[in-house]
Amino acid sequence: MTPVSRFSLFSNPFTTFAGAALLGLVFSLSGCRSTEQASVTTTTPAPPGSFGYPEPVGDQDVAGQQSLQIAVEPGQSSANYQQAPIEPAASGRPNLTAKAAILVDGFGRVLFEKNADTRLPTASTQKLLLGILVAESGDLGKPITVAESDTWAEPTVLGLKTGEVYTKHELFKAVLIRSCNDVARTLARDHSGSEAAFVAAMNQRARQLGMNNSYFTNSNGLPSPPGQYSTARDLAKLGMASLRNPHVREAVRTKVYSFRLANGTTRTLNNTNQVLKHFPYCTGLKTGFTNAAGRCLVSSATANGRTVIAVVLGSTSPTVSVESEALLRYGLGM
């Protein structure tokens, strides 16, 4: 594949993560596939070796509100899984139905793009920027007391209560793994003193990362206040920056996290990124969904010393996972 362009985000080559490839091989040997017959809704064959992705069934999140979590867990029936409905173009480049997409390698070279500079809502994928700011502020062991204003969030929340105390690291992992909006507000207020001040910090850091076609109005990606947008190209820069931060990199590749609430109960937080669960070379990164944004996903993968980052915006489910995996495979030469 011949790259068509290159980011100017970093002066030094992006460091690939060869260890992730070895870990991916372990996952592949342990097996993610089901032994049951998958139901097929298209005559187009799936990319070689690809996994199917289930439809969300509207199960509830840990606070009893509508969740992005998909109900099919390892060991359960995969009768609802679909073959990947993606058809390679004559050139071998995947055909995507999403509104916008981009694929870059670890050096920032663009391998594929579709409407990559179109301004679109990006939902919770922007929490990667929250993660970077929180990680860069340091002192992840610091205790944080939940304020009443932190709980003014919906629909995906962990259910934090005013006065509860958690470490910054616990909240940091929860927001990147499960995308809880009350956790995002808590971390934003702790970082900058208020949600508004944090938004200013987000936009400043975005410019420093070369995200010159993005604007944020809150810490969580919800559509209020209005006027929030980014692009696939800018989110690819954000994805690259996220992988360069060791704390963010570790969090976004975590599949399951046990979060201990202040009342002593434990909540199991399952990563909302289905590609991470089903594609053994995937190393993160972040999902997003609102009615305005549709299904969005910034994903990454590493194999044979090569790292790629894919961004898919304005998609549907499970197509967002199918097309993200197809892009990652294309970038890795699979």
Protein backbone atom coordinates (compact mmCIF):
# COMPACT_ATOMS: atom_id res chain seq x y z
CA MET A 1 0.00 0.00 0.00
CA THR A 2 1.30 3.41 -0.90
CA PRO A 3 0.47 6.12 1.63
CA VAL A 4 -1.26 9.13 0.11
CA SER A 5 -0.39 11.72 2.70
CA ARG A 6 1.18 12.19 6.12
CA PHE A 7 0.36 13.91 9.38
CA SER A 8 2.67 16.61 10.67
CA LEU A 9 1.62 15.96 14.26
CA PHE A 10 4.87 14.52 15.58
CA SER A 11 8.45 15.19 14.64
CA ASN A 12 9.64 11.79 15.88
CA PRO A 13 8.36 8.49 14.43
CA PHE A 14 5.58 6.92 16.40
CA THR A 15 6.86 4.10 18.59
CA THR A 16 5.18 0.81 17.72
CA PHE A 17 4.21 -1.58 20.43
CA ALA A 18 5.59 -4.97 19.47
CA GLY A 19 4.49 -6.43 22.77
CA ALA A 20 0.87 -5.88 21.79
CA ALA A 21 1.38 -8.15 18.79
CA LEU A 22 2.60 -10.97 21.05
CA LEU A 23 -0.34 -10.42 23.38
CA GLY A 24 -2.67 -10.50 20.38
CA LEU A 25 -1.24 -13.88 19.38
CA VAL A 26 -2.00 -15.20 22.85
CA PHE A 27 -5.60 -14.01 22.52
CA SER A 28 -5.92 -15.61 19.12
CA LEU A 29 -4.65 -18.94 20.44
CA SER A 30 -7.08 -18.83 23.35
CA GLY A 31 -9.90 -18.39 20.85
CA CYS A 32 -12.62 -15.76 20.44
CA ARG A 33 -14.57 -17.63 17.80
CA SER A 34 -17.80 -19.49 18.44
CA THR A 35 -18.35 -23.08 17.38
CA GLU A 36 -21.93 -22.28 16.42
CA GLN A 37 -23.14 -21.44 12.94
CA ALA A 38 -23.33 -17.70 12.33
CA SER A 39 -26.46 -16.40 10.65
CA VAL A 40 -25.65 -14.64 7.39
CA THR A 41 -27.68 -11.73 6.06
CA THR A 42 -25.58 -10.97 2.99
CA THR A 43 -24.02 -12.99 0.22
CA THR A 44 -20.82 -10.98 0.45
CA PRO A 45 -18.12 -12.99 2.27
CA ALA A 46 -16.42 -11.59 5.34
CA PRO A 47 -12.79 -10.51 5.24
CA PRO A 48 -10.55 -13.55 5.85
CA GLY A 49 -10.38 -14.43 9.52
CA SER A 50 -12.76 -11.70 10.65
CA PHE A 51 -15.19 -11.98 13.54
CA GLY A 52 -18.89 -11.18 13.54
CA TYR A 53 -20.35 -8.49 15.79
CA PRO A 54 -23.69 -8.62 17.60
CA GLU A 55 -26.47 -6.07 17.49
CA PRO A 56 -27.00 -4.10 20.72
CA VAL A 57 -30.13 -5.33 22.44
CA GLY A 58 -30.77 -2.28 24.60
CA ASP A 59 -29.66 -3.70 27.93
CA GLN A 60 -29.25 -1.34 30.85
CA ASP A 61 -26.05 0.19 32.13
CA VAL A 62 -24.90 0.04 35.74
CA ALA A 63 -27.13 2.97 36.71
CA GLY A 64 -30.24 1.49 35.08
CA GLN A 65 -30.20 3.78 32.05
CA GLN A 66 -29.74 2.99 28.36
CA SER A 67 -26.30 1.49 27.75
CA LEU A 68 -23.96 0.92 24.88
CA GLN A 69 -23.04 -2.47 26.29
CA ILE A 70 -23.74 -5.46 24.06
CA ALA A 71 -25.35 -8.38 25.85
CA VAL A 72 -23.48 -11.23 24.16
CA GLU A 73 -20.61 -12.21 26.47
CA PRO A 74 -17.91 -14.88 26.04
CA GLY A 75 -19.42 -18.32 26.42
CA GLN A 76 -22.93 -17.26 25.43
CA SER A 77 -24.66 -18.23 22.21
CA SER A 78 -23.50 -16.38 19.11
CA ALA A 79 -26.67 -17.04 17.14
CA ASN A 80 -27.13 -13.31 16.59
CA TYR A 81 -23.62 -12.80 15.22
CA GLN A 82 -23.38 -11.67 11.61
CA GLN A 83 -20.82 -12.25 8.91
CA ALA A 84 -18.99 -9.01 8.17
CA PRO A 85 -21.02 -7.25 5.41
CA ILE A 86 -18.08 -5.54 3.77
CA GLU A 87 -16.99 -5.90 0.18
CA PRO A 88 -13.42 -5.10 -0.85
CA ALA A 89 -13.11 -2.76 -3.82
CA ALA A 90 -11.26 -3.91 -6.89
CA SER A 91 -8.11 -2.27 -5.53
CA GLY A 92 -8.39 -4.21 -2.27
CA ARG A 93 -9.36 -1.07 -0.36
CA PRO A 94 -12.49 -1.59 1.75
CA ASN A 95 -15.78 0.03 0.81
CA LEU A 96 -17.28 1.77 3.86
CA THR A 97 -20.84 2.86 4.55
CA ALA A 98 -19.87 5.21 7.40
CA LYS A 99 -20.12 8.97 6.86
CA ALA A 100 -16.40 9.49 7.39
CA ALA A 101 -13.31 7.40 8.08
CA ILE A 102 -9.55 7.42 8.03
CA LEU A 103 -6.75 4.91 8.51
CA VAL A 104 -3.20 5.91 9.41
CA ASP A 105 -0.08 4.02 10.32
CA GLY A 106 2.13 4.65 13.32
CA PHE A 107 4.11 7.27 11.44
CA GLY A 108 0.98 9.29 10.62
CA ARG A 109 0.85 8.25 6.98
CA VAL A 110 -2.69 8.10 5.64
CA LEU A 111 -3.52 4.72 4.14
CA PHE A 112 -7.23 5.26 3.54
CA GLU A 113 -9.66 8.15 3.94
CA LYS A 114 -13.28 9.00 3.26
CA ASN A 115 -14.61 12.49 4.03
CA ALA A 116 -11.81 12.74 6.56
CA ASP A 117 -12.13 16.53 6.95
CA THR A 118 -15.92 16.66 7.26
CA ARG A 119 -16.98 18.17 10.58
CA LEU A 120 -19.16 15.73 12.50
CA PRO A 121 -20.28 15.09 16.08
CA THR A 122 -18.01 12.44 17.58
CA ALA A 123 -19.74 11.56 20.86
CA SER A 124 -17.60 9.88 23.52
CA THR A 125 -14.57 9.34 21.31
CA GLN A 126 -13.48 12.78 22.54
CA LYS A 127 -13.03 11.26 26.02
CA LEU A 128 -9.59 10.25 24.74
CA LEU A 129 -8.71 13.94 25.08
CA LEU A 130 -10.09 13.91 28.62
CA GLY A 131 -7.89 10.90 29.33
CA ILE A 132 -4.78 12.61 28.00
CA LEU A 133 -5.37 15.73 30.10
CA VAL A 134 -6.03 13.72 33.26
CA ALA A 135 -2.99 11.49 32.71
CA GLU A 136 -0.74 14.47 32.01
CA SER A 137 -1.88 16.17 35.23
CA GLY A 138 -0.23 13.37 37.21
CA ASP A 139 -0.87 12.19 40.78
CA LEU A 140 -3.22 9.40 39.72
CA GLY A 141 -3.36 8.13 43.28
CA LYS A 142 -4.97 11.38 44.46
CA PRO A 143 -8.37 11.03 46.21
CA ILE A 144 -11.26 12.88 44.55
CA THR A 145 -14.49 13.72 46.34
CA VAL A 146 -17.60 13.69 44.13
CA ALA A 147 -19.45 17.03 44.02
CA GLU A 148 -23.16 17.38 43.40
CA SER A 149 -22.58 19.02 40.00
CA ASP A 150 -20.59 15.97 38.90
CA THR A 151 -23.75 13.85 39.06
CA TRP A 152 -25.65 16.06 36.60
CA ALA A 153 -25.01 13.71 33.70
CA GLU A 154 -26.86 11.18 31.57
CA PRO A 155 -27.55 8.73 30.02
CA THR A 156 -24.53 6.43 30.58
CA VAL A 157 -23.47 6.91 34.19
CA LEU A 158 -21.76 4.87 36.88
CA GLY A 159 -24.01 6.25 39.59
CA LEU A 160 -21.55 8.28 41.66
CA LYS A 161 -23.02 9.94 44.74
CA THR A 162 -22.19 13.35 46.23
CA GLY A 163 -19.50 13.07 48.89
CA GLU A 164 -18.12 9.71 47.75
CA VAL A 165 -14.34 9.48 47.45
CA TYR A 166 -12.40 7.64 44.75
CA THR A 167 -8.85 7.75 43.49
CA LYS A 168 -8.16 9.59 40.26
CA HIS A 169 -6.81 6.38 38.75
CA GLU A 170 -10.04 4.46 39.47
CA LEU A 171 -12.14 7.15 37.80
CA PHE A 172 -9.66 7.51 34.94
CA LYS A 173 -9.94 3.82 34.03
CA ALA A 174 -13.72 3.80 34.44
CA VAL A 175 -14.26 6.68 32.02
CA LEU A 176 -12.04 5.23 29.29
CA ILE A 177 -13.32 1.67 29.63
CA ARG A 178 -17.03 2.22 30.25
CA SER A 179 -17.49 5.85 29.10
CA CYS A 180 -19.43 6.96 32.21
CA ASN A 181 -20.49 10.60 31.87
CA ASP A 182 -20.70 11.35 35.61
CA VAL A 183 -17.12 10.13 35.93
CA ALA A 184 -16.08 12.42 33.06
CA ARG A 185 -17.61 15.43 34.82
CA THR A 186 -15.91 14.50 38.09
CA LEU A 187 -12.49 14.28 36.47
CA ALA A 188 -13.03 17.49 34.50
CA ARG A 189 -13.99 19.49 37.58
CA ASP A 190 -11.07 18.09 39.56
CA HIS A 191 -8.67 18.95 36.75
CA SER A 192 -9.70 22.54 36.07
CA GLY A 193 -12.08 23.61 38.84
CA SER A 194 -15.19 23.58 36.65
CA GLU A 195 -16.61 22.00 33.51
CA ALA A 196 -16.28 25.28 31.60
CA ALA A 197 -12.63 25.70 32.55
CA PHE A 198 -11.92 22.12 31.52
CA VAL A 199 -13.51 22.68 28.12
CA ALA A 200 -11.11 25.58 27.59
CA ALA A 201 -8.22 23.26 28.49
CA MET A 202 -9.52 20.64 26.07
CA ASN A 203 -9.62 23.04 23.16
CA GLN A 204 -6.16 24.35 23.96
CA ARG A 205 -4.68 20.84 24.15
CA ALA A 206 -6.46 19.89 20.93
CA ARG A 207 -4.71 22.74 19.11
CA GLN A 208 -1.38 21.60 20.54
CA LEU A 209 -2.04 18.15 19.10
CA GLY A 210 -2.73 19.62 15.67
CA MET A 211 -6.50 19.14 15.90
CA ASN A 212 -7.26 22.40 14.14
CA ASN A 213 -10.65 21.34 12.82
CA SER A 214 -12.22 20.46 16.19
CA TYR A 215 -14.20 22.30 18.84
CA PHE A 216 -15.50 20.94 22.14
CA THR A 217 -18.21 22.24 24.47
CA ASN A 218 -18.15 19.60 27.22
CA SER A 219 -16.03 16.84 28.71
CA ASN A 220 -18.20 13.90 27.70
CA GLY A 221 -19.32 14.23 24.06
CA LEU A 222 -23.05 14.70 24.66
CA PRO A 223 -24.77 17.17 22.27
CA SER A 224 -25.43 19.84 24.92
CA PRO A 225 -24.15 22.54 24.88
CA PRO A 226 -24.42 22.48 21.07
CA GLY A 227 -21.74 23.33 18.53
CA GLN A 228 -19.35 20.47 19.23
CA TYR A 229 -17.52 18.81 16.32
CA SER A 230 -14.35 17.16 15.11
CA THR A 231 -13.17 15.22 12.04
CA ALA A 232 -11.87 11.75 11.33
CA ARG A 233 -8.44 13.22 10.59
CA ASP A 234 -8.30 15.11 13.88
CA LEU A 235 -9.44 12.06 15.82
CA ALA A 236 -6.68 10.01 14.21
CA LYS A 237 -4.22 12.54 15.63
CA LEU A 238 -5.92 12.17 19.00
CA GLY A 239 -5.64 8.40 18.72
CA MET A 240 -1.93 8.62 18.00
CA ALA A 241 -1.40 10.92 20.97
CA SER A 242 -3.40 8.55 23.19
CA LEU A 243 -1.19 5.60 22.30
CA ARG A 244 1.90 7.65 23.13
CA ASN A 245 0.68 8.13 26.72
CA PRO A 246 1.37 4.95 28.74
CA HIS A 247 -1.51 5.49 31.19
CA VAL A 248 -4.08 6.08 28.45
CA ARG A 249 -2.64 3.23 26.37
CA GLU A 250 -3.01 0.79 29.26
CA ALA A 251 -6.57 1.88 30.08
CA VAL A 252 -8.02 1.73 26.56
CA ARG A 253 -6.82 -1.82 26.01
CA THR A 254 -8.41 -3.10 29.26
CA LYS A 255 -11.35 -5.37 28.44
CA VAL A 256 -12.88 -5.76 31.91
CA TYR A 257 -12.40 -3.65 35.04
CA SER A 258 -13.75 -4.25 38.55
CA PHE A 259 -14.76 -0.90 40.03
CA ARG A 260 -15.34 -0.78 43.78
CA LEU A 261 -18.02 1.71 44.77
CA ALA A 262 -17.85 3.69 48.00
CA ASN A 263 -20.58 1.54 49.55
CA GLY A 264 -18.38 -1.54 49.18
CA THR A 265 -20.13 -3.14 46.21
CA THR A 266 -18.19 -3.98 43.07
CA ARG A 267 -19.30 -3.24 39.52
CA THR A 268 -17.84 -5.09 36.57
CA LEU A 269 -17.20 -2.60 33.77
CA ASN A 270 -16.99 -4.19 30.32
CA ASN A 271 -15.17 -2.24 27.62
CA THR A 272 -17.64 -0.89 25.06
CA ASN A 273 -15.16 -1.52 22.20
CA GLN A 274 -16.30 -4.75 20.56
CA VAL A 275 -13.31 -4.86 18.18
CA LEU A 276 -11.04 -5.09 21.22
CA LYS A 277 -12.98 -8.17 22.32
CA HIS A 278 -13.12 -9.98 18.98
CA PHE A 279 -10.05 -8.97 16.95
CA PRO A 280 -6.92 -10.33 18.68
CA TYR A 281 -4.56 -7.64 17.39
CA CYS A 282 -6.71 -4.70 18.53
CA THR A 283 -5.13 -2.52 21.26
CA GLY A 284 -7.94 0.04 21.90
CA LEU A 285 -9.18 2.80 21.75
CA LYS A 286 -12.62 4.46 22.29
CA THR A 287 -16.26 4.16 21.25
CA GLY A 288 -18.91 6.86 21.01
CA PHE A 289 -22.64 7.05 20.41
CA THR A 290 -25.36 9.69 20.38
CA ASN A 291 -28.39 9.97 18.12
CA ALA A 292 -26.70 12.88 16.32
CA ALA A 293 -23.29 11.21 15.94
CA GLY A 294 -24.39 7.65 15.26
CA ARG A 295 -21.90 4.93 16.12
CA CYS A 296 -18.31 6.14 16.22
CA LEU A 297 -15.08 4.31 16.94
CA VAL A 298 -11.42 5.17 17.16
CA SER A 299 -9.53 1.87 17.13
CA SER A 300 -5.94 0.68 16.92
CA ALA A 301 -4.10 -2.55 16.25
CA THR A 302 -0.53 -3.81 16.26
CA ALA A 303 0.96 -6.85 14.53
CA ASN A 304 4.46 -7.74 13.33
CA GLY A 305 5.87 -4.45 14.62
CA ARG A 306 3.33 -2.36 12.70
CA THR A 307 0.70 -0.13 14.33
CA VAL A 308 -2.38 1.36 12.64
CA ILE A 309 -5.18 3.64 13.87
CA ALA A 310 -8.65 3.66 12.31
CA VAL A 311 -11.44 6.19 12.80
CA VAL A 312 -15.03 5.48 11.73
CA LEU A 313 -17.71 8.16 12.23
CA GLY A 314 -21.44 8.25 11.57
CA SER A 315 -21.96 4.52 11.33
CA THR A 316 -24.51 2.04 12.62
CA SER A 317 -24.17 -1.03 14.79
CA PRO A 318 -22.72 -3.58 14.29
CA THR A 319 -21.33 -2.05 11.09
CA VAL A 320 -19.04 0.33 12.99
CA SER A 321 -17.16 -2.65 14.45
CA VAL A 322 -17.14 -4.60 11.19
CA GLU A 323 -15.79 -1.69 9.17
CA SER A 324 -13.27 -0.71 11.84
CA GLU A 325 -11.88 -4.23 11.85
CA ALA A 326 -11.77 -4.23 8.05
CA LEU A 327 -9.72 -1.02 8.10
CA LEU A 328 -7.34 -2.37 10.74
CA ARG A 329 -6.84 -5.57 8.75
CA TYR A 330 -6.25 -3.59 5.57
CA GLY A 331 -3.63 -1.46 7.31
CA LEU A 332 -1.89 -4.52 8.75
CA GLY A 333 -1.94 -6.28 5.38
CA MET A 334 -4.21 -9.09 6.57
